[in-house]
Amino acid sequence: MKARRVLAVVCIIVSAVLAFNWLSVFPQLEGDGGLLREAVLDVMWVAGVAGVFFSVRWYMKLRGRTRKVSLQALATILFWYSLGVILSALTYIVMGILGEVEPFVPHGAVAGIPIFGLIALLSWIWRQRLRAAEKAVQASAQPDEV
């Protein structure tokens, strides 16, 4: 069972790299490659996003989740993606202050932090409600002990 969990985590990482960081994995695709290049990148993005979703869903099933697993996976992905965007925005702001990024225009980064913070908070609450509903259903399914 532990080997399957490790495999699920590896699938999540590989899929996330394909979906969100393809250029560092395939630098030869950079530049003007035309329609074929765009088609390859689109297929990689779709495969990566689907891979992340189904890998997270599989991992949650391996962890014992049984009710509305797809929605729990979606809420989890939204939560972690929002935290990643917030971390990226903070990094961009710090790099701008240090003079590493030119020209420094932090408006998008500053505006993104509260927006994605709210998304992270709402997805966390959603995920907790889904888990609470799952626990309530499991508790009601068990016979009462006398």
N, C-alpha and C. Protein backbone atom coordinates (compact mmCIF):
# COMPACT_ATOMS: atom_id res chain seq x y z
N MET A 1 0.83 -1.20 0.00
CA MET A 1 0.00 0.00 0.00
C MET A 1 0.87 1.26 0.00
N LYS A 2 1.99 1.21 0.75
CA LYS A 2 2.86 2.38 0.81
C LYS A 2 3.51 2.65 -0.54
N ALA A 3 3.84 1.59 -1.27
CA ALA A 3 4.45 1.76 -2.59
C ALA A 3 3.48 2.45 -3.55
N ARG A 4 2.19 2.15 -3.43
CA ARG A 4 1.21 2.81 -4.28
C ARG A 4 1.10 4.29 -3.94
N ARG A 5 1.18 4.63 -2.67
CA ARG A 5 1.13 6.04 -2.28
C ARG A 5 2.33 6.79 -2.83
N VAL A 6 3.50 6.17 -2.75
CA VAL A 6 4.71 6.80 -3.29
C VAL A 6 4.56 6.98 -4.80
N LEU A 7 4.04 5.98 -5.48
CA LEU A 7 3.82 6.08 -6.92
C LEU A 7 2.82 7.19 -7.25
N ALA A 8 1.78 7.32 -6.43
CA ALA A 8 0.80 8.39 -6.64
C ALA A 8 1.45 9.76 -6.49
N VAL A 9 2.31 9.93 -5.49
CA VAL A 9 3.00 11.20 -5.29
C VAL A 9 3.94 11.49 -6.45
N VAL A 10 4.64 10.48 -6.94
CA VAL A 10 5.52 10.65 -8.11
C VAL A 10 4.69 11.07 -9.33
N CYS A 11 3.53 10.46 -9.51
CA CYS A 11 2.66 10.84 -10.63
C CYS A 11 2.19 12.28 -10.50
N ILE A 12 1.87 12.71 -9.28
CA ILE A 12 1.47 14.10 -9.05
C ILE A 12 2.58 15.05 -9.45
N ILE A 13 3.80 14.75 -9.03
CA ILE A 13 4.94 15.63 -9.33
C ILE A 13 5.22 15.69 -10.82
N VAL A 14 5.25 14.53 -11.47
CA VAL A 14 5.53 14.50 -12.91
C VAL A 14 4.44 15.23 -13.69
N SER A 15 3.20 15.01 -13.31
CA SER A 15 2.09 15.68 -14.00
C SER A 15 2.13 17.19 -13.78
N ALA A 16 2.46 17.62 -12.57
CA ALA A 16 2.55 19.05 -12.30
C ALA A 16 3.67 19.70 -13.11
N VAL A 17 4.78 19.01 -13.25
CA VAL A 17 5.88 19.54 -14.06
C VAL A 17 5.45 19.65 -15.51
N LEU A 18 4.75 18.64 -16.01
CA LEU A 18 4.26 18.70 -17.39
C LEU A 18 3.27 19.84 -17.58
N ALA A 19 2.40 20.05 -16.61
CA ALA A 19 1.35 21.05 -16.78
C ALA A 19 1.85 22.47 -16.59
N PHE A 20 2.72 22.68 -15.62
CA PHE A 20 3.02 24.05 -15.22
C PHE A 20 4.46 24.48 -15.43
N ASN A 21 5.35 23.56 -15.77
CA ASN A 21 6.76 23.92 -15.89
C ASN A 21 7.38 23.20 -17.08
N TRP A 22 6.68 23.13 -18.19
CA TRP A 22 7.11 22.34 -19.33
C TRP A 22 8.38 22.86 -19.98
N LEU A 23 8.62 24.16 -19.96
CA LEU A 23 9.75 24.73 -20.68
C LEU A 23 11.08 24.32 -20.08
N SER A 24 11.13 24.17 -18.74
CA SER A 24 12.38 23.75 -18.14
C SER A 24 12.66 22.27 -18.40
N VAL A 25 11.60 21.49 -18.65
CA VAL A 25 11.78 20.07 -18.94
C VAL A 25 12.14 19.87 -20.41
N PHE A 26 11.51 20.66 -21.29
CA PHE A 26 11.74 20.54 -22.72
C PHE A 26 12.19 21.89 -23.29
N PRO A 27 13.43 22.32 -23.04
CA PRO A 27 13.86 23.64 -23.51
C PRO A 27 13.95 23.74 -25.02
N GLN A 28 14.03 22.62 -25.72
CA GLN A 28 14.11 22.66 -27.17
C GLN A 28 12.80 23.12 -27.80
N LEU A 29 11.71 23.16 -27.03
CA LEU A 29 10.43 23.62 -27.57
C LEU A 29 10.31 25.14 -27.53
N GLU A 30 11.30 25.82 -26.96
CA GLU A 30 11.24 27.28 -26.88
C GLU A 30 11.48 27.87 -28.26
N GLY A 31 10.86 28.97 -28.53
CA GLY A 31 11.03 29.64 -29.81
C GLY A 31 9.79 29.52 -30.66
N ASP A 32 9.92 29.94 -31.91
CA ASP A 32 8.78 29.93 -32.81
C ASP A 32 8.77 28.61 -33.57
N GLY A 33 7.89 27.70 -33.14
CA GLY A 33 7.82 26.40 -33.77
C GLY A 33 6.58 26.20 -34.60
N GLY A 34 5.69 27.17 -34.57
CA GLY A 34 4.49 27.07 -35.38
C GLY A 34 3.38 26.27 -34.74
N LEU A 35 2.50 25.79 -35.59
CA LEU A 35 1.29 25.11 -35.14
C LEU A 35 1.59 23.79 -34.45
N LEU A 36 2.57 23.04 -34.93
CA LEU A 36 2.90 21.76 -34.32
C LEU A 36 3.40 21.96 -32.89
N ARG A 37 4.23 22.97 -32.69
CA ARG A 37 4.73 23.27 -31.36
C ARG A 37 3.58 23.60 -30.41
N GLU A 38 2.66 24.42 -30.86
CA GLU A 38 1.52 24.79 -30.03
C GLU A 38 0.65 23.58 -29.72
N ALA A 39 0.48 22.70 -30.68
CA ALA A 39 -0.32 21.49 -30.45
C ALA A 39 0.34 20.59 -29.42
N VAL A 40 1.65 20.44 -29.52
CA VAL A 40 2.38 19.62 -28.55
C VAL A 40 2.26 20.22 -27.15
N LEU A 41 2.42 21.52 -27.04
CA LEU A 41 2.33 22.17 -25.74
C LEU A 41 0.92 22.06 -25.16
N ASP A 42 -0.10 22.19 -26.01
CA ASP A 42 -1.48 22.05 -25.53
C ASP A 42 -1.75 20.64 -25.02
N VAL A 43 -1.27 19.65 -25.76
CA VAL A 43 -1.46 18.26 -25.33
C VAL A 43 -0.71 18.01 -24.02
N MET A 44 0.49 18.55 -23.89
CA MET A 44 1.25 18.38 -22.64
C MET A 44 0.53 19.05 -21.48
N TRP A 45 -0.02 20.22 -21.70
CA TRP A 45 -0.74 20.92 -20.61
C TRP A 45 -1.98 20.15 -20.19
N VAL A 46 -2.77 19.69 -21.16
CA VAL A 46 -3.98 18.94 -20.84
C VAL A 46 -3.62 17.63 -20.13
N ALA A 47 -2.61 16.94 -20.63
CA ALA A 47 -2.18 15.69 -19.99
C ALA A 47 -1.67 15.96 -18.58
N GLY A 48 -0.96 17.05 -18.40
CA GLY A 48 -0.45 17.38 -17.07
C GLY A 48 -1.55 17.71 -16.09
N VAL A 49 -2.50 18.52 -16.50
CA VAL A 49 -3.61 18.89 -15.61
C VAL A 49 -4.45 17.66 -15.28
N ALA A 50 -4.76 16.86 -16.28
CA ALA A 50 -5.52 15.63 -16.02
C ALA A 50 -4.73 14.68 -15.14
N GLY A 51 -3.44 14.61 -15.38
CA GLY A 51 -2.60 13.75 -14.54
C GLY A 51 -2.57 14.19 -13.10
N VAL A 52 -2.49 15.51 -12.88
CA VAL A 52 -2.51 16.02 -11.50
C VAL A 52 -3.84 15.66 -10.84
N PHE A 53 -4.94 15.92 -11.53
CA PHE A 53 -6.25 15.65 -10.95
C PHE A 53 -6.41 14.17 -10.59
N PHE A 54 -6.15 13.29 -11.56
CA PHE A 54 -6.38 11.87 -11.31
C PHE A 54 -5.36 11.28 -10.33
N SER A 55 -4.15 11.82 -10.31
CA SER A 55 -3.16 11.34 -9.34
C SER A 55 -3.54 11.75 -7.92
N VAL A 56 -4.00 12.99 -7.74
CA VAL A 56 -4.45 13.43 -6.42
C VAL A 56 -5.67 12.62 -6.00
N ARG A 57 -6.57 12.38 -6.92
CA ARG A 57 -7.77 11.59 -6.62
C ARG A 57 -7.39 10.17 -6.20
N TRP A 58 -6.46 9.57 -6.92
CA TRP A 58 -5.99 8.22 -6.60
C TRP A 58 -5.32 8.21 -5.23
N TYR A 59 -4.48 9.20 -4.95
CA TYR A 59 -3.80 9.29 -3.67
C TYR A 59 -4.83 9.40 -2.53
N MET A 60 -5.87 10.18 -2.74
CA MET A 60 -6.89 10.33 -1.70
C MET A 60 -7.65 9.02 -1.48
N LYS A 61 -7.90 8.28 -2.55
CA LYS A 61 -8.55 6.98 -2.39
C LYS A 61 -7.65 6.02 -1.62
N LEU A 62 -6.36 6.07 -1.89
CA LEU A 62 -5.42 5.23 -1.16
C LEU A 62 -5.35 5.61 0.32
N ARG A 63 -5.61 6.87 0.61
CA ARG A 63 -5.61 7.34 2.01
C ARG A 63 -6.92 7.05 2.72
N GLY A 64 -7.88 6.45 2.03
CA GLY A 64 -9.11 6.03 2.68
C GLY A 64 -10.31 6.91 2.43
N ARG A 65 -10.19 7.90 1.58
CA ARG A 65 -11.35 8.75 1.27
C ARG A 65 -12.32 7.96 0.41
N THR A 66 -13.62 8.12 0.69
CA THR A 66 -14.62 7.33 -0.04
C THR A 66 -15.74 8.18 -0.62
N ARG A 67 -16.00 9.34 -0.08
CA ARG A 67 -17.18 10.11 -0.49
C ARG A 67 -16.74 11.40 -1.19
N LYS A 68 -17.28 11.63 -2.37
CA LYS A 68 -16.99 12.82 -3.17
C LYS A 68 -15.48 13.06 -3.30
N VAL A 69 -14.78 12.03 -3.70
CA VAL A 69 -13.32 12.09 -3.79
C VAL A 69 -12.88 13.09 -4.86
N SER A 70 -13.61 13.17 -5.96
CA SER A 70 -13.25 14.11 -7.03
C SER A 70 -13.34 15.55 -6.55
N LEU A 71 -14.37 15.88 -5.81
CA LEU A 71 -14.50 17.24 -5.28
C LEU A 71 -13.43 17.54 -4.24
N GLN A 72 -13.11 16.55 -3.42
CA GLN A 72 -12.03 16.74 -2.45
C GLN A 72 -10.70 16.97 -3.17
N ALA A 73 -10.47 16.22 -4.25
CA ALA A 73 -9.24 16.40 -5.03
C ALA A 73 -9.20 17.79 -5.65
N LEU A 74 -10.31 18.24 -6.19
CA LEU A 74 -10.37 19.58 -6.79
C LEU A 74 -10.10 20.67 -5.74
N ALA A 75 -10.71 20.53 -4.58
CA ALA A 75 -10.48 21.51 -3.51
C ALA A 75 -9.02 21.51 -3.06
N THR A 76 -8.42 20.34 -2.98
CA THR A 76 -7.01 20.24 -2.59
C THR A 76 -6.10 20.88 -3.62
N ILE A 77 -6.37 20.62 -4.89
CA ILE A 77 -5.55 21.21 -5.96
C ILE A 77 -5.68 22.74 -5.95
N LEU A 78 -6.90 23.25 -5.81
CA LEU A 78 -7.10 24.70 -5.74
C LEU A 78 -6.34 25.31 -4.57
N PHE A 79 -6.39 24.65 -3.43
CA PHE A 79 -5.70 25.16 -2.24
C PHE A 79 -4.19 25.24 -2.48
N TRP A 80 -3.59 24.15 -2.93
CA TRP A 80 -2.13 24.15 -3.12
C TRP A 80 -1.69 25.03 -4.28
N TYR A 81 -2.50 25.10 -5.33
CA TYR A 81 -2.17 25.99 -6.44
C TYR A 81 -2.19 27.45 -5.98
N SER A 82 -3.18 27.81 -5.17
CA SER A 82 -3.26 29.18 -4.65
C SER A 82 -2.06 29.51 -3.78
N LEU A 83 -1.66 28.56 -2.94
CA LEU A 83 -0.46 28.81 -2.12
C LEU A 83 0.78 28.97 -2.99
N GLY A 84 0.87 28.21 -4.07
CA GLY A 84 1.99 28.35 -4.98
C GLY A 84 2.02 29.71 -5.66
N VAL A 85 0.85 30.21 -6.05
CA VAL A 85 0.78 31.53 -6.68
C VAL A 85 1.17 32.62 -5.68
N ILE A 86 0.72 32.48 -4.44
CA ILE A 86 1.08 33.46 -3.41
C ILE A 86 2.58 33.46 -3.18
N LEU A 87 3.19 32.28 -3.12
CA LEU A 87 4.64 32.18 -2.93
C LEU A 87 5.38 32.80 -4.12
N SER A 88 4.88 32.55 -5.32
CA SER A 88 5.50 33.15 -6.52
C SER A 88 5.39 34.67 -6.50
N ALA A 89 4.24 35.18 -6.09
CA ALA A 89 4.05 36.63 -6.03
C ALA A 89 4.97 37.25 -4.99
N LEU A 90 5.09 36.62 -3.84
CA LEU A 90 5.99 37.14 -2.81
C LEU A 90 7.44 37.11 -3.28
N THR A 91 7.81 36.04 -3.98
CA THR A 91 9.17 35.96 -4.53
C THR A 91 9.41 37.07 -5.54
N TYR A 92 8.43 37.33 -6.39
CA TYR A 92 8.56 38.40 -7.39
C TYR A 92 8.71 39.76 -6.72
N ILE A 93 7.94 39.99 -5.66
CA ILE A 93 8.03 41.26 -4.95
C ILE A 93 9.41 41.42 -4.32
N VAL A 94 9.90 40.38 -3.67
CA VAL A 94 11.22 40.45 -3.03
C VAL A 94 12.31 40.65 -4.09
N MET A 95 12.20 39.95 -5.22
CA MET A 95 13.19 40.13 -6.29
C MET A 95 13.14 41.55 -6.85
N GLY A 96 11.95 42.14 -6.92
CA GLY A 96 11.82 43.52 -7.38
C GLY A 96 12.44 44.50 -6.41
N ILE A 97 12.26 44.25 -5.12
CA ILE A 97 12.86 45.13 -4.11
C ILE A 97 14.38 45.03 -4.16
N LEU A 98 14.91 43.84 -4.39
CA LEU A 98 16.35 43.65 -4.46
C LEU A 98 16.95 44.08 -5.80
N GLY A 99 16.09 44.43 -6.76
CA GLY A 99 16.56 44.89 -8.05
C GLY A 99 16.87 43.79 -9.04
N GLU A 100 16.43 42.58 -8.77
CA GLU A 100 16.70 41.45 -9.66
C GLU A 100 15.77 41.43 -10.87
N VAL A 101 14.59 42.01 -10.75
CA VAL A 101 13.60 42.01 -11.83
C VAL A 101 13.47 43.43 -12.34
N GLU A 102 13.66 43.63 -13.62
CA GLU A 102 13.51 44.95 -14.23
C GLU A 102 12.54 44.87 -15.39
N PRO A 103 11.67 45.77 -15.59
CA PRO A 103 11.27 46.80 -14.64
C PRO A 103 10.36 46.20 -13.57
N PHE A 104 10.44 46.73 -12.39
CA PHE A 104 9.66 46.20 -11.28
C PHE A 104 8.30 46.86 -11.24
N VAL A 105 7.29 46.09 -11.54
CA VAL A 105 5.90 46.55 -11.46
C VAL A 105 5.16 45.54 -10.59
N PRO A 106 5.04 45.79 -9.30
CA PRO A 106 4.49 44.78 -8.40
C PRO A 106 2.97 44.76 -8.33
N HIS A 107 2.30 45.59 -9.14
CA HIS A 107 0.85 45.71 -8.99
C HIS A 107 0.14 44.37 -9.15
N GLY A 108 0.50 43.61 -10.16
CA GLY A 108 -0.13 42.31 -10.36
C GLY A 108 0.17 41.35 -9.23
N ALA A 109 1.41 41.36 -8.78
CA ALA A 109 1.79 40.47 -7.68
C ALA A 109 1.09 40.87 -6.38
N VAL A 110 1.03 42.18 -6.12
CA VAL A 110 0.38 42.65 -4.90
C VAL A 110 -1.12 42.37 -4.95
N ALA A 111 -1.73 42.54 -6.10
CA ALA A 111 -3.16 42.27 -6.23
C ALA A 111 -3.46 40.78 -6.17
N GLY A 112 -2.53 39.96 -6.63
CA GLY A 112 -2.76 38.52 -6.64
C GLY A 112 -2.73 37.88 -5.27
N ILE A 113 -1.98 38.47 -4.35
CA ILE A 113 -1.85 37.85 -3.02
C ILE A 113 -3.19 37.78 -2.29
N PRO A 114 -3.95 38.87 -2.14
CA PRO A 114 -5.23 38.71 -1.45
C PRO A 114 -6.26 37.90 -2.24
N ILE A 115 -6.22 38.00 -3.57
CA ILE A 115 -7.18 37.24 -4.38
C ILE A 115 -6.94 35.74 -4.20
N PHE A 116 -5.70 35.31 -4.37
CA PHE A 116 -5.41 33.89 -4.23
C PHE A 116 -5.41 33.46 -2.77
N GLY A 117 -5.19 34.38 -1.86
CA GLY A 117 -5.37 34.06 -0.44
C GLY A 117 -6.81 33.72 -0.14
N LEU A 118 -7.73 34.49 -0.71
CA LEU A 118 -9.15 34.21 -0.53
C LEU A 118 -9.53 32.88 -1.18
N ILE A 119 -8.99 32.61 -2.36
CA ILE A 119 -9.26 31.34 -3.03
C ILE A 119 -8.73 30.18 -2.18
N ALA A 120 -7.54 30.34 -1.61
CA ALA A 120 -6.98 29.28 -0.76
C ALA A 120 -7.84 29.07 0.47
N LEU A 121 -8.28 30.15 1.09
CA LEU A 121 -9.13 30.04 2.28
C LEU A 121 -10.46 29.35 1.95
N LEU A 122 -11.10 29.76 0.87
CA LEU A 122 -12.38 29.17 0.49
C LEU A 122 -12.23 27.69 0.11
N SER A 123 -11.16 27.35 -0.59
CA SER A 123 -10.97 25.94 -0.96
C SER A 123 -10.63 25.10 0.27
N TRP A 124 -9.92 25.68 1.24
CA TRP A 124 -9.64 24.97 2.49
C TRP A 124 -10.94 24.69 3.25
N ILE A 125 -11.80 25.70 3.35
CA ILE A 125 -13.09 25.53 4.02
C ILE A 125 -13.94 24.49 3.29
N TRP A 126 -13.96 24.54 1.96
CA TRP A 126 -14.71 23.59 1.15
C TRP A 126 -14.22 22.17 1.40
N ARG A 127 -12.90 22.01 1.41
CA ARG A 127 -12.31 20.69 1.64
C ARG A 127 -12.65 20.17 3.03
N GLN A 128 -12.60 21.02 4.04
CA GLN A 128 -12.93 20.61 5.40
C GLN A 128 -14.40 20.21 5.50
N ARG A 129 -15.28 20.93 4.83
CA ARG A 129 -16.70 20.56 4.84
C ARG A 129 -16.94 19.22 4.16
N LEU A 130 -16.25 18.98 3.05
CA LEU A 130 -16.39 17.69 2.37
C LEU A 130 -15.90 16.56 3.26
N ARG A 131 -14.80 16.78 3.95
CA ARG A 131 -14.27 15.75 4.85
C ARG A 131 -15.19 15.53 6.03
N ALA A 132 -15.76 16.60 6.57
CA ALA A 132 -16.69 16.46 7.69
C ALA A 132 -17.93 15.69 7.27
N ALA A 133 -18.44 15.96 6.06
CA ALA A 133 -19.60 15.23 5.56
C ALA A 133 -19.26 13.76 5.37
N GLU A 134 -18.05 13.48 4.90
CA GLU A 134 -17.63 12.09 4.73
C GLU A 134 -17.57 11.37 6.08
N LYS A 135 -17.01 12.03 7.07
CA LYS A 135 -16.93 11.42 8.41
C LYS A 135 -18.32 11.21 9.00
N ALA A 136 -19.25 12.14 8.76
CA ALA A 136 -20.61 11.99 9.27
C ALA A 136 -21.31 10.79 8.63
N VAL A 137 -21.11 10.62 7.33
CA VAL A 137 -21.72 9.48 6.63
C VAL A 137 -21.11 8.18 7.13
N GLN A 138 -19.81 8.16 7.34
CA GLN A 138 -19.16 6.95 7.84
C GLN A 138 -19.62 6.63 9.26
N ALA A 139 -19.80 7.66 10.07
CA ALA A 139 -20.25 7.44 11.45
C ALA A 139 -21.68 6.93 11.49
N SER A 140 -22.52 7.42 10.61
CA SER A 140 -23.92 6.97 10.60
C SER A 140 -24.06 5.57 10.00
N ALA A 141 -23.08 5.15 9.20
CA ALA A 141 -23.14 3.84 8.61
C ALA A 141 -22.71 2.75 9.58
N GLN A 142 -21.94 3.11 10.59
CA GLN A 142 -21.49 2.15 11.58
C GLN A 142 -22.60 1.89 12.59
N PRO A 143 -22.77 0.65 12.98
CA PRO A 143 -23.82 0.35 13.97
C PRO A 143 -23.45 0.93 15.33
N ASP A 144 -24.46 1.37 16.05
CA ASP A 144 -24.24 1.92 17.38
C ASP A 144 -23.87 0.81 18.34
N GLU A 145 -22.87 1.10 19.15
CA GLU A 145 -22.45 0.12 20.15
C GLU A 145 -23.20 0.38 21.45
N VAL A 146 -23.67 -0.69 22.09
CA VAL A 146 -24.43 -0.56 23.33
C VAL A 146 -23.61 -0.96 24.51
